PDB file of N, CA and C in Angstrom:
ATOM      1  N   UNK A   1       9.805 -16.662  21.463  1.00  0.00           N
ATOM      2  CA  UNK A   1       9.376 -15.723  20.445  1.00  0.00           C
ATOM      3  C   UNK A   1       9.353 -16.444  19.100  1.00  0.00           C
ATOM      4  N   UNK A   2       8.243 -16.357  18.372  1.00  0.00           N
ATOM      5  CA  UNK A   2       8.198 -16.952  17.042  1.00  0.00           C
ATOM      6  C   UNK A   2       8.547 -15.886  15.994  1.00  0.00           C
ATOM      7  N   UNK A   3       8.560 -16.277  14.727  1.00  0.00           N
ATOM      8  CA  UNK A   3       8.976 -15.361  13.666  1.00  0.00           C
ATOM      9  C   UNK A   3       8.095 -14.124  13.554  1.00  0.00           C
ATOM     10  N   UNK A   4       6.790 -14.246  13.791  1.00  0.00           N
ATOM     11  CA  UNK A   4       5.913 -13.090  13.664  1.00  0.00           C
ATOM     12  C   UNK A   4       6.213 -12.052  14.733  1.00  0.00           C
ATOM     13  N   UNK A   5       6.607 -12.466  15.931  1.00  0.00           N
ATOM     14  CA  UNK A   5       6.952 -11.513  16.989  1.00  0.00           C
ATOM     15  C   UNK A   5       8.203 -10.721  16.632  1.00  0.00           C
ATOM     16  N   UNK A   6       9.138 -11.329  15.937  1.00  0.00           N
ATOM     17  CA  UNK A   6      10.388 -10.661  15.577  1.00  0.00           C
ATOM     18  C   UNK A   6      10.139  -9.465  14.671  1.00  0.00           C
ATOM     19  N   UNK A   7       9.084  -9.498  13.871  1.00  0.00           N
ATOM     20  CA  UNK A   7       8.775  -8.415  12.942  1.00  0.00           C
ATOM     21  C   UNK A   7       7.904  -7.333  13.569  1.00  0.00           C
ATOM     22  N   UNK A   8       7.285  -7.606  14.687  1.00  0.00           N
ATOM     23  CA  UNK A   8       6.277  -6.714  15.241  1.00  0.00           C
ATOM     24  C   UNK A   8       6.753  -5.281  15.422  1.00  0.00           C
ATOM     25  N   UNK A   9       7.944  -5.077  15.963  1.00  0.00           N
ATOM     26  CA  UNK A   9       8.431  -3.737  16.238  1.00  0.00           C
ATOM     27  C   UNK A   9       9.442  -3.227  15.217  1.00  0.00           C
ATOM     28  N   UNK A  10       9.737  -4.018  14.199  1.00  0.00           N
ATOM     29  CA  UNK A  10      10.719  -3.609  13.195  1.00  0.00           C
ATOM     30  C   UNK A  10      10.129  -2.515  12.306  1.00  0.00           C
ATOM     31  N   UNK A  11      10.965  -1.569  11.873  1.00  0.00           N
ATOM     32  CA  UNK A  11      10.456  -0.522  10.978  1.00  0.00           C
ATOM     33  C   UNK A  11      10.000  -1.111   9.649  1.00  0.00           C
ATOM     34  N   UNK A  12       9.077  -0.404   9.000  1.00  0.00           N
ATOM     35  CA  UNK A  12       8.565  -0.829   7.701  1.00  0.00           C
ATOM     36  C   UNK A  12       9.150   0.110   6.653  1.00  0.00           C
ATOM     37  N   UNK A  13       9.792  -0.459   5.643  1.00  0.00           N
ATOM     38  CA  UNK A  13      10.352   0.327   4.554  1.00  0.00           C
ATOM     39  C   UNK A  13       9.599  -0.002   3.279  1.00  0.00           C
ATOM     40  N   UNK A  14       9.196   1.033   2.561  1.00  0.00           N
ATOM     41  CA  UNK A  14       8.484   0.857   1.297  1.00  0.00           C
ATOM     42  C   UNK A  14       9.353   1.448   0.195  1.00  0.00           C
ATOM     43  N   UNK A  15       9.649   0.661  -0.817  1.00  0.00           N
ATOM     44  CA  UNK A  15      10.412   1.136  -1.962  1.00  0.00           C
ATOM     45  C   UNK A  15       9.422   1.582  -3.035  1.00  0.00           C
ATOM     46  N   UNK A  16       9.128   2.875  -3.043  1.00  0.00           N
ATOM     47  CA  UNK A  16       8.138   3.407  -3.976  1.00  0.00           C
ATOM     48  C   UNK A  16       8.370   4.907  -4.149  1.00  0.00           C
ATOM     49  N   UNK A  17       7.782   5.460  -5.165  1.00  0.00           N
ATOM     50  CA  UNK A  17       7.824   6.900  -5.374  1.00  0.00           C
ATOM     51  C   UNK A  17       6.941   7.549  -4.311  1.00  0.00           C
ATOM     52  N   UNK A  18       7.506   8.348  -3.413  1.00  0.00           N
ATOM     53  CA  UNK A  18       6.716   8.923  -2.315  1.00  0.00           C
ATOM     54  C   UNK A  18       5.528   9.756  -2.788  1.00  0.00           C
ATOM     55  N   UNK A  19       5.706  10.529  -3.847  1.00  0.00           N
ATOM     56  CA  UNK A  19       4.609  11.372  -4.344  1.00  0.00           C
ATOM     57  C   UNK A  19       3.460  10.514  -4.861  1.00  0.00           C
ATOM     58  N   UNK A  20       3.793   9.460  -5.614  1.00  0.00           N
ATOM     59  CA  UNK A  20       2.746   8.593  -6.152  1.00  0.00           C
ATOM     60  C   UNK A  20       2.048   7.796  -5.045  1.00  0.00           C
ATOM     61  N   UNK A  21       2.800   7.353  -4.053  1.00  0.00           N
ATOM     62  CA  UNK A  21       2.193   6.650  -2.913  1.00  0.00           C
ATOM     63  C   UNK A  21       1.226   7.569  -2.182  1.00  0.00           C
ATOM     64  N   UNK A  22       1.653   8.808  -1.926  1.00  0.00           N
ATOM     65  CA  UNK A  22       0.787   9.772  -1.238  1.00  0.00           C
ATOM     66  C   UNK A  22      -0.471  10.036  -2.053  1.00  0.00           C
ATOM     67  N   UNK A  23      -0.321  10.194  -3.364  1.00  0.00           N
ATOM     68  CA  UNK A  23      -1.471  10.448  -4.225  1.00  0.00           C
ATOM     69  C   UNK A  23      -2.438   9.263  -4.227  1.00  0.00           C
ATOM     70  N   UNK A  24      -1.919   8.052  -4.336  1.00  0.00           N
ATOM     71  CA  UNK A  24      -2.774   6.868  -4.365  1.00  0.00           C
ATOM     72  C   UNK A  24      -3.525   6.684  -3.047  1.00  0.00           C
ATOM     73  N   UNK A  25      -2.807   6.805  -1.937  1.00  0.00           N
ATOM     74  CA  UNK A  25      -3.452   6.644  -0.622  1.00  0.00           C
ATOM     75  C   UNK A  25      -4.468   7.750  -0.390  1.00  0.00           C
ATOM     76  N   UNK A  26      -4.108   8.970  -0.764  1.00  0.00           N
ATOM     77  CA  UNK A  26      -5.030  10.099  -0.609  1.00  0.00           C
ATOM     78  C   UNK A  26      -6.311   9.889  -1.414  1.00  0.00           C
ATOM     79  N   UNK A  27      -6.188   9.404  -2.656  1.00  0.00           N
ATOM     80  CA  UNK A  27      -7.372   9.157  -3.490  1.00  0.00           C
ATOM     81  C   UNK A  27      -8.285   8.107  -2.872  1.00  0.00           C
ATOM     82  N   UNK A  28      -7.699   7.018  -2.385  1.00  0.00           N
ATOM     83  CA  UNK A  28      -8.512   5.952  -1.776  1.00  0.00           C
ATOM     84  C   UNK A  28      -9.212   6.471  -0.524  1.00  0.00           C
ATOM     85  N   UNK A  29      -8.481   7.194   0.322  1.00  0.00           N
ATOM     86  CA  UNK A  29      -9.092   7.732   1.544  1.00  0.00           C
ATOM     87  C   UNK A  29     -10.159   8.769   1.226  1.00  0.00           C
ATOM     88  N   UNK A  30      -9.887   9.665   0.276  1.00  0.00           N
ATOM     89  CA  UNK A  30     -10.885  10.666  -0.115  1.00  0.00           C
ATOM     90  C   UNK A  30     -12.173  10.001  -0.581  1.00  0.00           C
ATOM     91  N   UNK A  31     -12.053   8.956  -1.420  1.00  0.00           N
ATOM     92  CA  UNK A  31     -13.242   8.244  -1.903  1.00  0.00           C
ATOM     93  C   UNK A  31     -13.968   7.537  -0.766  1.00  0.00           C
ATOM     94  N   UNK A  32     -13.223   6.904   0.114  1.00  0.00           N
ATOM     95  CA  UNK A  32     -13.850   6.198   1.241  1.00  0.00           C
ATOM     96  C   UNK A  32     -14.644   7.173   2.105  1.00  0.00           C
ATOM     97  N   UNK A  33     -14.061   8.324   2.368  1.00  0.00           N
ATOM     98  CA  UNK A  33     -14.738   9.316   3.218  1.00  0.00           C
ATOM     99  C   UNK A  33     -15.898   9.969   2.483  1.00  0.00           C
ATOM    100  N   UNK A  34     -15.691  10.319   1.208  1.00  0.00           N
ATOM    101  CA  UNK A  34     -16.739  10.996   0.442  1.00  0.00           C
ATOM    102  C   UNK A  34     -17.996  10.143   0.286  1.00  0.00           C
ATOM    103  N   UNK A  35     -17.814   8.855   0.056  1.00  0.00           N
ATOM    104  CA  UNK A  35     -18.964   7.994  -0.216  1.00  0.00           C
ATOM    105  C   UNK A  35     -19.457   7.230   1.009  1.00  0.00           C
ATOM    106  N   UNK A  36     -18.831   7.431   2.146  1.00  0.00           N
ATOM    107  CA  UNK A  36     -19.290   6.768   3.373  1.00  0.00           C
ATOM    108  C   UNK A  36     -20.546   7.471   3.875  1.00  0.00           C
ATOM    109  N   UNK A  37     -21.490   6.700   4.332  1.00  0.00           N
ATOM    110  CA  UNK A  37     -22.717   7.246   4.906  1.00  0.00           C
ATOM    111  C   UNK A  37     -22.431   7.781   6.301  1.00  0.00           C
ATOM    112  N   UNK A  38     -23.356   8.596   6.797  1.00  0.00           N
ATOM    113  CA  UNK A  38     -23.227   9.091   8.166  1.00  0.00           C
ATOM    114  C   UNK A  38     -23.139   7.900   9.116  1.00  0.00           C
ATOM    115  N   UNK A  39     -22.248   7.968  10.073  1.00  0.00           N
ATOM    116  CA  UNK A  39     -22.093   6.888  11.036  1.00  0.00           C
ATOM    117  C   UNK A  39     -21.108   5.814  10.618  1.00  0.00           C
ATOM    118  N   UNK A  40     -20.589   5.899   9.396  1.00  0.00           N
ATOM    119  CA  UNK A  40     -19.585   4.931   8.942  1.00  0.00           C
ATOM    120  C   UNK A  40     -18.234   5.275   9.547  1.00  0.00           C
ATOM    121  N   UNK A  41     -17.376   4.287   9.607  1.00  0.00           N
ATOM    122  CA  UNK A  41     -16.037   4.482  10.154  1.00  0.00           C
ATOM    123  C   UNK A  41     -15.010   4.023   9.137  1.00  0.00           C
ATOM    124  N   UNK A  42     -14.009   4.868   8.897  1.00  0.00           N
ATOM    125  CA  UNK A  42     -12.907   4.526   8.003  1.00  0.00           C
ATOM    126  C   UNK A  42     -11.680   4.321   8.883  1.00  0.00           C
ATOM    127  N   UNK A  43     -11.043   3.157   8.767  1.00  0.00           N
ATOM    128  CA  UNK A  43      -9.882   2.811   9.574  1.00  0.00           C
ATOM    129  C   UNK A  43      -8.706   2.514   8.649  1.00  0.00           C
ATOM    130  N   UNK A  44      -7.548   3.067   8.986  1.00  0.00           N
ATOM    131  CA  UNK A  44      -6.328   2.803   8.220  1.00  0.00           C
ATOM    132  C   UNK A  44      -5.375   2.021   9.112  1.00  0.00           C
ATOM    133  N   UNK A  45      -4.855   0.931   8.581  1.00  0.00           N
ATOM    134  CA  UNK A  45      -3.928   0.086   9.340  1.00  0.00           C
ATOM    135  C   UNK A  45      -2.745  -0.297   8.457  1.00  0.00           C
ATOM    136  N   UNK A  46      -1.620  -0.505   9.082  1.00  0.00           N
ATOM    137  CA  UNK A  46      -0.467  -1.118   8.421  1.00  0.00           C
ATOM    138  C   UNK A  46      -0.332  -2.490   9.056  1.00  0.00           C
ATOM    139  N   UNK A  47      -0.391  -3.511   8.248  1.00  0.00           N
ATOM    140  CA  UNK A  47      -0.248  -4.881   8.753  1.00  0.00           C
ATOM    141  C   UNK A  47       1.003  -5.493   8.157  1.00  0.00           C
ATOM    142  N   UNK A  48       1.535  -6.435   8.857  1.00  0.00           N
ATOM    143  CA  UNK A  48       2.758  -7.088   8.416  1.00  0.00           C
ATOM    144  C   UNK A  48       2.565  -8.597   8.458  1.00  0.00           C
ATOM    145  N   UNK A  49       3.025  -9.247   7.403  1.00  0.00           N
ATOM    146  CA  UNK A  49       3.090 -10.701   7.385  1.00  0.00           C
ATOM    147  C   UNK A  49       4.505 -11.044   6.967  1.00  0.00           C
ATOM    148  N   UNK A  50       5.287 -11.511   7.924  1.00  0.00           N
ATOM    149  CA  UNK A  50       6.714 -11.759   7.735  1.00  0.00           C
ATOM    150  C   UNK A  50       7.379 -10.469   7.263  1.00  0.00           C
ATOM    151  N   UNK A  51       8.006 -10.460   6.094  1.00  0.00           N
ATOM    152  CA  UNK A  51       8.701  -9.257   5.662  1.00  0.00           C
ATOM    153  C   UNK A  51       7.918  -8.443   4.630  1.00  0.00           C
ATOM    154  N   UNK A  52       6.601  -8.636   4.566  1.00  0.00           N
ATOM    155  CA  UNK A  52       5.738  -7.901   3.647  1.00  0.00           C
ATOM    156  C   UNK A  52       4.779  -7.043   4.457  1.00  0.00           C
ATOM    157  N   UNK A  53       4.677  -5.766   4.082  1.00  0.00           N
ATOM    158  CA  UNK A  53       3.756  -4.847   4.757  1.00  0.00           C
ATOM    159  C   UNK A  53       2.533  -4.621   3.865  1.00  0.00           C
ATOM    160  N   UNK A  54       1.386  -4.465   4.499  1.00  0.00           N
ATOM    161  CA  UNK A  54       0.139  -4.222   3.795  1.00  0.00           C
ATOM    162  C   UNK A  54      -0.511  -2.979   4.359  1.00  0.00           C
ATOM    163  N   UNK A  55      -0.972  -2.098   3.487  1.00  0.00           N
ATOM    164  CA  UNK A  55      -1.781  -0.954   3.895  1.00  0.00           C
ATOM    165  C   UNK A  55      -3.229  -1.402   3.749  1.00  0.00           C
ATOM    166  N   UNK A  56      -3.973  -1.351   4.840  1.00  0.00           N
ATOM    167  CA  UNK A  56      -5.356  -1.816   4.842  1.00  0.00           C
ATOM    168  C   UNK A  56      -6.258  -0.631   5.162  1.00  0.00           C
ATOM    169  N   UNK A  57      -7.237  -0.381   4.310  1.00  0.00           N
ATOM    170  CA  UNK A  57      -8.217   0.673   4.545  1.00  0.00           C
ATOM    171  C   UNK A  57      -9.568  -0.019   4.664  1.00  0.00           C
ATOM    172  N   UNK A  58     -10.136   0.063   5.846  1.00  0.00           N
ATOM    173  CA  UNK A  58     -11.408  -0.602   6.140  1.00  0.00           C
ATOM    174  C   UNK A  58     -12.519   0.443   6.246  1.00  0.00           C
ATOM    175  N   UNK A  59     -13.640   0.170   5.608  1.00  0.00           N
ATOM    176  CA  UNK A  59     -14.810   1.044   5.689  1.00  0.00           C
ATOM    177  C   UNK A  59     -15.975   0.186   6.153  1.00  0.00           C
ATOM    178  N   UNK A  60     -16.545   0.517   7.300  1.00  0.00           N
ATOM    179  CA  UNK A  60     -17.619  -0.304   7.854  1.00  0.00           C
ATOM    180  C   UNK A  60     -18.988   0.297   7.539  1.00  0.00           C
ATOM    181  N   UNK A  61     -19.336   0.307   6.281  1.00  0.00           N
ATOM    182  CA  UNK A  61     -20.676   0.752   5.872  1.00  0.00           C
ATOM    183  C   UNK A  61     -21.058   0.016   4.608  1.00  0.00           C
ATOM    184  N   UNK A  62     -22.291   0.152   4.171  1.00  0.00           N
ATOM    185  CA  UNK A  62     -22.769  -0.648   3.042  1.00  0.00           C
ATOM    186  C   UNK A  62     -22.096  -0.338   1.713  1.00  0.00           C
ATOM    187  N   UNK A  63     -21.487   0.807   1.544  1.00  0.00           N
ATOM    188  CA  UNK A  63     -20.810   1.129   0.283  1.00  0.00           C
ATOM    189  C   UNK A  63     -21.653   2.023  -0.604  1.00  0.00           C
ATOM    190  N   UNK A  64     -21.214   2.139  -1.838  1.00  0.00           N
ATOM    191  CA  UNK A  64     -21.886   3.015  -2.817  1.00  0.00           C
ATOM    192  C   UNK A  64     -23.127   2.299  -3.335  1.00  0.00           C
ATOM    193  N   UNK A  65     -24.272   2.996  -3.320  1.00  0.00           N
ATOM    194  CA  UNK A  65     -25.520   2.368  -3.820  1.00  0.00           C
ATOM    195  C   UNK A  65     -25.387   1.942  -5.278  1.00  0.00           C
ATOM    196  N   UNK A  66     -26.062   0.868  -5.655  1.00  0.00           N
ATOM    197  CA  UNK A  66     -25.998   0.324  -7.007  1.00  0.00           C
ATOM    198  C   UNK A  66     -26.493   1.338  -8.054  1.00  0.00           C
ATOM    199  N   UNK A  67     -27.408   2.228  -7.669  1.00  0.00           N
ATOM    200  CA  UNK A  67     -27.969   3.186  -8.614  1.00  0.00           C
ATOM    201  C   UNK A  67     -27.171   4.483  -8.691  1.00  0.00           C
ATOM    202  N   UNK A  68     -25.997   4.519  -8.104  1.00  0.00           N
ATOM    203  CA  UNK A  68     -25.170   5.730  -8.103  1.00  0.00           C
ATOM    204  C   UNK A  68     -24.678   6.040  -9.474  1.00  0.00           C
TER     205      UNK A  68
END
């Protein structure tokens, strides 16, 4: 087992204001969904690199038109 495997199943703890985290994530997701075209997919992932966690929001569509 290497170091990355040791973190795979460990819980993720975030030291942040829960209300502000919820508001920030909600705003990003709302915008991603609102401006996504039909057929687009929004994916939310939690990724870990050693002892750092990353919230990743992926949107697989062209994005907001330049003339918006």
